């Protein structure tokens, strides 16, 4: 499908410094738009200057939350070339989210064409290592009508922006265990990347900040014992040298970074298993030394070590330290190998990079 080019050419006014680029605050000068209607399908793909969207107050997404999104990154290699990391996996997950939210699927090749074209247009906005160009595809319901039903029209769009490291902290992040809230329930939308999942997490996030924490660890909605995710990331533990993570069972997002770590572990000879993990097992493991590392993983943060877990029971706060509070050797090894592939410092033997 031919993409109309109505873009503007506006390079950065100064060299992009990754250490001065907080996540999600700066945006590239152009964006991709494409419409869907029940009687026309996908049509009118175009790149236009970044700017506000014009929506009626009666637009369906504003009332019923019918929307989905993705997150991925493009990386600048030492030779100046730009590469997007595993965009096909994000495009496939986008369609899984669309099916769950009763929205039209987007052909993967068209999705990749849109990403490639937009990133190429704004390639100068990709900062050097350790920064990256964050890419945010999204789809929203645009029918102007009230009434609980699936929309008859949708807008797909992509925006991008240069970003530095997600967490600007020394050592590992501090995590609050969520005892009073849940993120997702069986049969719900936990595996879909939709805004409602994140809106429901904000109150717990504010409580975490009040207690000096960076993120929230979610437990299952039924027993409140099984570890699920942390913040917007998948969660991994090292028990006796084995990288261990909860299985994706409909309530946990199937992370692309999570999947990539599983493959990298196999390549590096690091044992990796998926199984149910009780929070009591984690606490006991931290106290007796069986659990030596905990880290989150996701597109924004890549691999983020956890330094402390904070548990609050009957108003009493107990802090569990993870190792020495800093990044452990396995997390470091995985982070260095994964980012090495992303930045072209290790061979891409898996075919994960899409050149722009």
Protein backbone atom coordinates (compact mmCIF):
# COMPACT_ATOMS: atom_id res chain seq x y z
CA UNK A 1 0.00 0.00 0.00
CA UNK A 2 1.44 3.38 -0.99
CA UNK A 3 2.05 5.78 1.88
CA UNK A 4 1.36 9.46 1.27
CA UNK A 5 4.24 11.61 2.45
CA UNK A 6 3.14 14.93 3.96
CA UNK A 7 6.02 15.02 6.43
CA UNK A 8 8.29 17.85 7.48
CA UNK A 9 12.09 17.71 7.61
CA UNK A 10 13.27 18.98 10.99
CA UNK A 11 16.50 17.55 12.42
CA UNK A 12 17.36 18.08 16.09
CA UNK A 13 18.78 21.53 16.85
CA UNK A 14 21.65 19.97 18.84
CA UNK A 15 23.21 16.51 19.19
CA UNK A 16 20.95 14.19 21.17
CA UNK A 17 22.37 13.41 24.60
CA UNK A 18 20.85 10.14 25.93
CA UNK A 19 21.50 11.25 29.50
CA UNK A 20 19.24 14.28 28.97
CA UNK A 21 16.35 12.44 27.31
CA UNK A 22 13.80 11.25 29.90
CA UNK A 23 11.48 8.55 28.65
CA UNK A 24 8.37 9.72 26.80
CA UNK A 25 8.98 13.47 26.96
CA UNK A 26 10.44 14.31 23.53
CA UNK A 27 8.82 13.42 20.20
CA UNK A 28 10.03 13.27 16.62
CA UNK A 29 8.57 15.76 14.11
CA UNK A 30 6.35 13.33 12.18
CA UNK A 31 3.76 10.61 12.78
CA UNK A 32 2.01 7.90 10.78
CA UNK A 33 -1.79 7.77 10.43
CA UNK A 34 -4.14 5.28 8.77
CA UNK A 35 -7.92 4.80 8.95
CA UNK A 36 -10.21 1.78 9.06
CA UNK A 37 -13.93 1.65 8.35
CA UNK A 38 -16.23 -1.33 8.27
CA UNK A 39 -17.10 -0.79 4.60
CA UNK A 40 -13.60 0.16 3.40
CA UNK A 41 -11.04 -1.66 5.53
CA UNK A 42 -7.63 -0.07 6.03
CA UNK A 43 -7.05 2.96 3.82
CA UNK A 44 -5.23 6.30 3.43
CA UNK A 45 -1.86 5.57 5.05
CA UNK A 46 0.08 8.81 5.47
CA UNK A 47 2.96 10.47 7.27
CA UNK A 48 2.10 13.92 8.58
CA UNK A 49 3.67 16.41 10.99
CA UNK A 50 3.35 15.43 14.66
CA UNK A 51 0.40 17.23 16.21
CA UNK A 52 -2.95 16.97 17.98
CA UNK A 53 -5.67 14.58 16.85
CA UNK A 54 -9.11 16.07 16.26
CA UNK A 55 -11.78 14.01 18.04
CA UNK A 56 -15.45 14.60 18.79
CA UNK A 57 -16.41 14.52 22.49
CA UNK A 58 -18.64 11.58 21.51
CA UNK A 59 -15.73 9.53 20.11
CA UNK A 60 -16.04 5.93 21.32
CA UNK A 61 -12.50 5.63 22.72
CA UNK A 62 -13.16 8.47 25.18
CA UNK A 63 -16.11 6.63 26.74
CA UNK A 64 -15.43 2.90 26.43
CA UNK A 65 -11.64 2.65 26.29
CA UNK A 66 -11.48 0.64 23.08
CA UNK A 67 -7.81 1.14 22.30
CA UNK A 68 -4.52 -0.76 22.16
CA UNK A 69 -0.86 0.14 21.78
CA UNK A 70 2.64 -1.26 21.45
CA UNK A 71 6.16 -0.22 22.36
CA UNK A 72 9.43 -1.02 20.60
CA UNK A 73 12.75 0.65 19.83
CA UNK A 74 15.13 1.51 17.01
CA UNK A 75 18.87 1.59 17.72
CA UNK A 76 21.75 3.50 16.13
CA UNK A 77 24.78 1.32 15.39
CA UNK A 78 28.37 2.54 15.41
CA UNK A 79 28.35 2.91 11.61
CA UNK A 80 25.30 5.21 11.79
CA UNK A 81 22.80 2.64 10.51
CA UNK A 82 19.41 2.35 12.22
CA UNK A 83 17.84 -0.99 13.20
CA UNK A 84 14.46 -1.80 14.78
CA UNK A 85 14.45 -4.66 17.30
CA UNK A 86 11.99 -7.50 16.60
CA UNK A 87 9.15 -5.39 15.16
CA UNK A 88 7.44 -8.50 13.78
CA UNK A 89 6.85 -9.77 17.33
CA UNK A 90 5.30 -6.47 18.38
CA UNK A 91 3.11 -6.46 15.28
CA UNK A 92 1.91 -9.99 16.08
CA UNK A 93 1.15 -9.03 19.71
CA UNK A 94 -0.67 -5.94 18.45
CA UNK A 95 -3.03 -8.22 16.56
CA UNK A 96 -3.58 -10.44 19.61
CA UNK A 97 -4.56 -7.34 21.55
CA UNK A 98 -6.84 -6.24 18.70
CA UNK A 99 -8.69 -9.56 18.72
CA UNK A 100 -9.26 -9.38 22.46
CA UNK A 101 -10.52 -5.78 22.26
CA UNK A 102 -12.82 -6.47 19.27
CA UNK A 103 -10.77 -4.32 16.90
CA UNK A 104 -9.60 -4.94 13.32
CA UNK A 105 -6.27 -6.68 12.88
CA UNK A 106 -3.52 -4.95 10.91
CA UNK A 107 -1.54 -6.96 8.33
CA UNK A 108 1.93 -7.48 9.78
CA UNK A 109 3.73 -6.44 6.59
CA UNK A 110 1.75 -3.20 6.45
CA UNK A 111 2.58 -2.56 10.11
CA UNK A 112 6.29 -3.12 9.43
CA UNK A 113 6.17 -0.92 6.31
CA UNK A 114 4.68 1.90 8.36
CA UNK A 115 7.37 1.60 11.06
CA UNK A 116 10.20 1.38 8.55
CA UNK A 117 8.99 4.40 6.56
CA UNK A 118 8.38 6.61 9.60
CA UNK A 119 11.68 5.75 11.30
CA UNK A 120 13.55 6.38 8.04
CA UNK A 121 11.91 9.80 7.75
CA UNK A 122 12.97 10.80 11.29
CA UNK A 123 16.19 8.76 11.50
CA UNK A 124 18.18 11.77 12.75
CA UNK A 125 16.13 11.62 15.95
CA UNK A 126 17.68 8.26 16.93
CA UNK A 127 20.24 9.05 19.64
CA UNK A 128 23.51 7.16 20.15
CA UNK A 129 24.02 4.44 22.75
CA UNK A 130 22.69 4.07 25.43
CA UNK A 131 19.71 5.95 23.96
CA UNK A 132 17.22 4.70 21.39
CA UNK A 133 14.25 5.85 19.33
CA UNK A 134 11.10 4.69 21.10
CA UNK A 135 8.27 3.70 18.76
CA UNK A 136 4.64 3.76 19.91
CA UNK A 137 2.03 2.25 17.53
CA UNK A 138 -1.56 2.62 18.74
CA UNK A 139 -5.15 2.11 17.58
CA UNK A 140 -8.23 3.91 18.88
CA UNK A 141 -11.97 3.61 18.25
CA UNK A 142 -13.18 6.71 16.38
CA UNK A 143 -16.91 6.22 15.82
CA UNK A 144 -18.89 9.28 17.01
CA UNK A 145 -21.65 7.54 18.92
CA UNK A 146 -22.57 6.60 22.45
CA UNK A 147 -23.57 3.03 23.28
CA UNK A 148 -21.57 0.05 24.42
CA UNK A 149 -20.57 -1.75 21.23
CA UNK A 150 -17.53 -2.21 19.04
CA UNK A 151 -16.74 0.88 16.99
CA UNK A 152 -17.33 0.90 13.23
CA UNK A 153 -14.22 3.03 12.59
CA UNK A 154 -10.68 3.15 13.94
CA UNK A 155 -7.50 5.20 13.66
CA UNK A 156 -4.08 3.54 13.67
CA UNK A 157 -1.15 5.83 14.37
CA UNK A 158 2.55 5.67 15.21
CA UNK A 159 4.57 8.29 17.06
CA UNK A 160 8.27 8.12 17.91
CA UNK A 161 10.66 9.91 20.20
CA UNK A 162 14.29 9.78 21.34
CA UNK A 163 14.83 8.45 24.84
CA UNK A 164 17.59 7.66 27.27
CA UNK A 165 17.63 5.00 30.03
CA UNK A 166 14.20 4.33 31.55
CA UNK A 167 15.36 4.26 35.18
CA UNK A 168 17.84 6.87 36.34
CA UNK A 169 18.66 5.22 39.66
CA UNK A 170 21.82 3.94 41.26
CA UNK A 171 21.68 0.25 42.05
CA UNK A 172 18.47 -1.73 41.75
CA UNK A 173 14.92 -0.42 41.78
CA UNK A 174 12.74 -0.64 44.90
CA UNK A 175 9.49 -2.59 44.45
CA UNK A 176 6.29 -2.57 46.52
CA UNK A 177 4.40 -5.88 46.68
CA UNK A 178 0.72 -5.17 45.87
CA UNK A 179 -1.43 -6.78 48.56
CA UNK A 180 -4.57 -4.65 48.20
CA UNK A 181 -4.88 -4.36 44.41
CA UNK A 182 -4.71 -6.66 41.38
CA UNK A 183 -3.70 -5.87 37.82
CA UNK A 184 -5.61 -8.53 35.86
CA UNK A 185 -7.96 -11.46 36.40
CA UNK A 186 -8.35 -14.74 34.49
CA UNK A 187 -10.50 -14.24 31.42
CA UNK A 188 -9.83 -10.51 31.39
CA UNK A 189 -7.55 -8.33 29.29
CA UNK A 190 -4.28 -8.86 31.14
CA UNK A 191 -2.49 -10.28 28.09
CA UNK A 192 -3.63 -7.40 25.86
CA UNK A 193 -1.70 -4.14 25.73
CA UNK A 194 -4.64 -1.86 26.37
CA UNK A 195 -4.82 1.34 28.37
CA UNK A 196 -7.36 0.12 30.90
CA UNK A 197 -4.83 -2.31 32.36
CA UNK A 198 -2.47 0.55 33.07
CA UNK A 199 -5.14 2.95 34.34
CA UNK A 200 -6.11 0.36 36.94
CA UNK A 201 -2.50 0.27 38.16
CA UNK A 202 -2.08 3.98 38.81
CA UNK A 203 -3.43 4.07 42.38
CA UNK A 204 -1.05 1.32 43.48
CA UNK A 205 1.73 3.15 41.70
CA UNK A 206 1.05 6.28 43.72
CA UNK A 207 1.13 4.27 46.93
CA UNK A 208 4.46 2.78 45.83
CA UNK A 209 5.91 6.27 45.30
CA UNK A 210 4.65 7.34 48.72
CA UNK A 211 6.66 4.51 50.23
CA UNK A 212 9.78 5.39 48.27
CA UNK A 213 9.36 2.65 45.65
CA UNK A 214 9.74 2.82 41.87
CA UNK A 215 7.29 0.10 40.81
CA UNK A 216 4.63 -2.35 42.00
CA UNK A 217 4.87 -6.15 42.00
CA UNK A 218 1.50 -7.66 41.06
CA UNK A 219 0.17 -10.89 42.49
CA UNK A 220 -2.59 -13.07 41.00
CA UNK A 221 -6.22 -12.00 41.42
CA UNK A 222 -7.46 -15.29 42.89
CA UNK A 223 -5.10 -16.39 45.67
CA UNK A 224 -3.00 -13.21 45.94
CA UNK A 225 0.08 -15.43 46.19
CA UNK A 226 1.42 -16.06 42.68
CA UNK A 227 3.86 -13.48 41.32
CA UNK A 228 2.81 -12.03 37.97
CA UNK A 229 4.44 -8.79 36.76
CA UNK A 230 6.20 -5.72 38.05
CA UNK A 231 4.92 -2.35 36.85
CA UNK A 232 4.91 -2.48 33.07
CA UNK A 233 7.53 -5.23 32.90
CA UNK A 234 7.78 -8.99 33.09
CA UNK A 235 9.59 -10.28 36.15
CA UNK A 236 12.41 -12.82 36.51
CA UNK A 237 14.11 -14.44 39.50
CA UNK A 238 17.36 -16.35 39.85
CA UNK A 239 16.86 -19.38 42.12
CA UNK A 240 20.04 -21.44 42.57
CA UNK A 241 21.41 -20.17 39.25
CA UNK A 242 18.19 -20.84 37.29
CA UNK A 243 16.42 -17.90 35.64
CA UNK A 244 12.79 -18.44 36.62
CA UNK A 245 9.74 -16.53 35.43
CA UNK A 246 5.96 -16.95 35.76
CA UNK A 247 4.22 -18.49 32.72
CA UNK A 248 2.02 -16.27 30.57
CA UNK A 249 -1.45 -17.61 31.24
CA UNK A 250 -3.80 -14.90 30.05
CA UNK A 251 -3.12 -12.41 32.83
CA UNK A 252 0.52 -11.65 31.98
CA UNK A 253 1.69 -9.71 28.94
CA UNK A 254 3.78 -11.84 26.58
CA UNK A 255 6.81 -9.58 26.55
CA UNK A 256 9.13 -9.46 23.54
CA UNK A 257 12.11 -8.80 25.83
CA UNK A 258 10.99 -11.71 28.01
CA UNK A 259 10.95 -14.03 25.00
CA UNK A 260 14.32 -12.70 23.83
CA UNK A 261 15.90 -13.37 27.24
CA UNK A 262 14.68 -16.96 27.10
CA UNK A 263 16.49 -17.41 23.77
CA UNK A 264 19.64 -15.65 24.98
CA UNK A 265 19.71 -17.82 28.12
CA UNK A 266 19.71 -20.91 25.93
CA UNK A 267 22.57 -19.50 23.84
CA UNK A 268 24.63 -18.63 26.93
CA UNK A 269 23.91 -21.93 28.68
CA UNK A 270 21.96 -20.33 31.52
CA UNK A 271 19.12 -22.56 32.80
CA UNK A 272 15.70 -21.00 32.19
CA UNK A 273 12.29 -22.24 33.37
CA UNK A 274 8.71 -20.98 33.42
CA UNK A 275 6.68 -22.00 36.47
CA UNK A 276 4.37 -20.64 39.14
CA UNK A 277 6.23 -18.63 41.79
CA UNK A 278 4.70 -17.95 45.22
CA UNK A 279 5.58 -14.68 46.90
CA UNK A 280 6.42 -16.65 50.06
CA UNK A 281 8.98 -18.62 48.06
CA UNK A 282 10.56 -15.34 47.00
CA UNK A 283 10.71 -13.95 50.54
CA UNK A 284 12.12 -17.20 51.92
CA UNK A 285 14.62 -17.40 49.07
CA UNK A 286 15.86 -13.89 49.75
CA UNK A 287 16.28 -14.67 53.43
CA UNK A 288 18.06 -18.02 53.03
CA UNK A 289 20.09 -17.13 49.93
CA UNK A 290 18.31 -19.38 47.40
CA UNK A 291 17.06 -16.32 45.47
CA UNK A 292 20.12 -14.30 44.47
CA UNK A 293 18.72 -11.95 41.82
CA UNK A 294 15.43 -10.38 40.73
CA UNK A 295 15.05 -8.25 37.62
CA UNK A 296 12.33 -6.80 35.46
CA UNK A 297 12.51 -6.88 31.68
CA UNK A 298 10.71 -4.91 29.02
CA UNK A 299 11.16 -2.71 25.98
CA UNK A 300 11.61 0.54 27.89
CA UNK A 301 13.90 -0.67 30.68
CA UNK A 302 15.46 -3.71 28.87
CA UNK A 303 16.82 -5.47 32.00
CA UNK A 304 16.26 -3.64 35.28
CA UNK A 305 17.63 -5.14 38.52
CA UNK A 306 15.50 -5.09 41.66
CA UNK A 307 17.39 -4.00 44.76
CA UNK A 308 14.67 -4.28 47.40
CA UNK A 309 11.16 -5.68 47.85
CA UNK A 310 8.82 -3.89 50.25
CA UNK A 311 5.95 -5.87 51.77
CA UNK A 312 3.25 -4.22 53.88
CA UNK A 313 1.07 -6.47 56.09
CA UNK A 314 -1.32 -5.02 58.70
CA UNK A 315 0.31 -1.66 58.25
CA UNK A 316 3.78 -2.97 59.04
CA UNK A 317 6.48 -2.55 56.39
CA UNK A 318 9.14 -5.18 55.88
CA UNK A 319 12.03 -4.73 53.46
CA UNK A 320 13.76 -7.65 51.73
CA UNK A 321 17.12 -6.86 50.18
CA UNK A 322 18.04 -8.61 46.92
CA UNK A 323 21.70 -9.64 46.98
CA UNK A 324 23.81 -6.56 47.64
CA UNK A 325 21.10 -4.31 46.20
CA UNK A 326 22.84 -3.89 42.83
CA UNK A 327 22.72 -5.61 39.46
CA UNK A 328 23.61 -9.29 39.76
CA UNK A 329 25.97 -11.17 37.43
CA UNK A 330 23.27 -13.01 35.49
CA UNK A 331 21.17 -9.88 34.94
CA UNK A 332 24.32 -8.05 33.81
CA UNK A 333 25.27 -10.83 31.41
CA UNK A 334 21.79 -10.91 29.89
CA UNK A 335 21.57 -7.12 29.62
CA UNK A 336 24.97 -6.84 27.97
CA UNK A 337 24.23 -9.57 25.45
CA UNK A 338 20.76 -8.27 24.62
CA UNK A 339 21.83 -4.63 24.26
CA UNK A 340 24.93 -5.81 22.40
CA UNK A 341 22.67 -7.39 19.76
CA UNK A 342 20.44 -4.30 19.65
CA UNK A 343 23.38 -1.94 19.12
CA UNK A 344 25.20 -4.20 16.65
CA UNK A 345 28.04 -5.12 19.00
CA UNK A 346 27.18 -8.83 18.87
CA UNK A 347 26.19 -10.70 15.70
CA UNK A 348 22.43 -10.87 15.16
CA UNK A 349 22.36 -14.63 14.70
CA UNK A 350 18.60 -14.75 15.38
CA UNK A 351 17.55 -12.29 12.66
CA UNK A 352 15.98 -9.96 15.20
CA UNK A 353 16.98 -6.62 13.66
CA UNK A 354 15.09 -4.86 10.85
CA UNK A 355 17.35 -2.40 9.02
CA UNK A 356 15.84 0.97 8.16
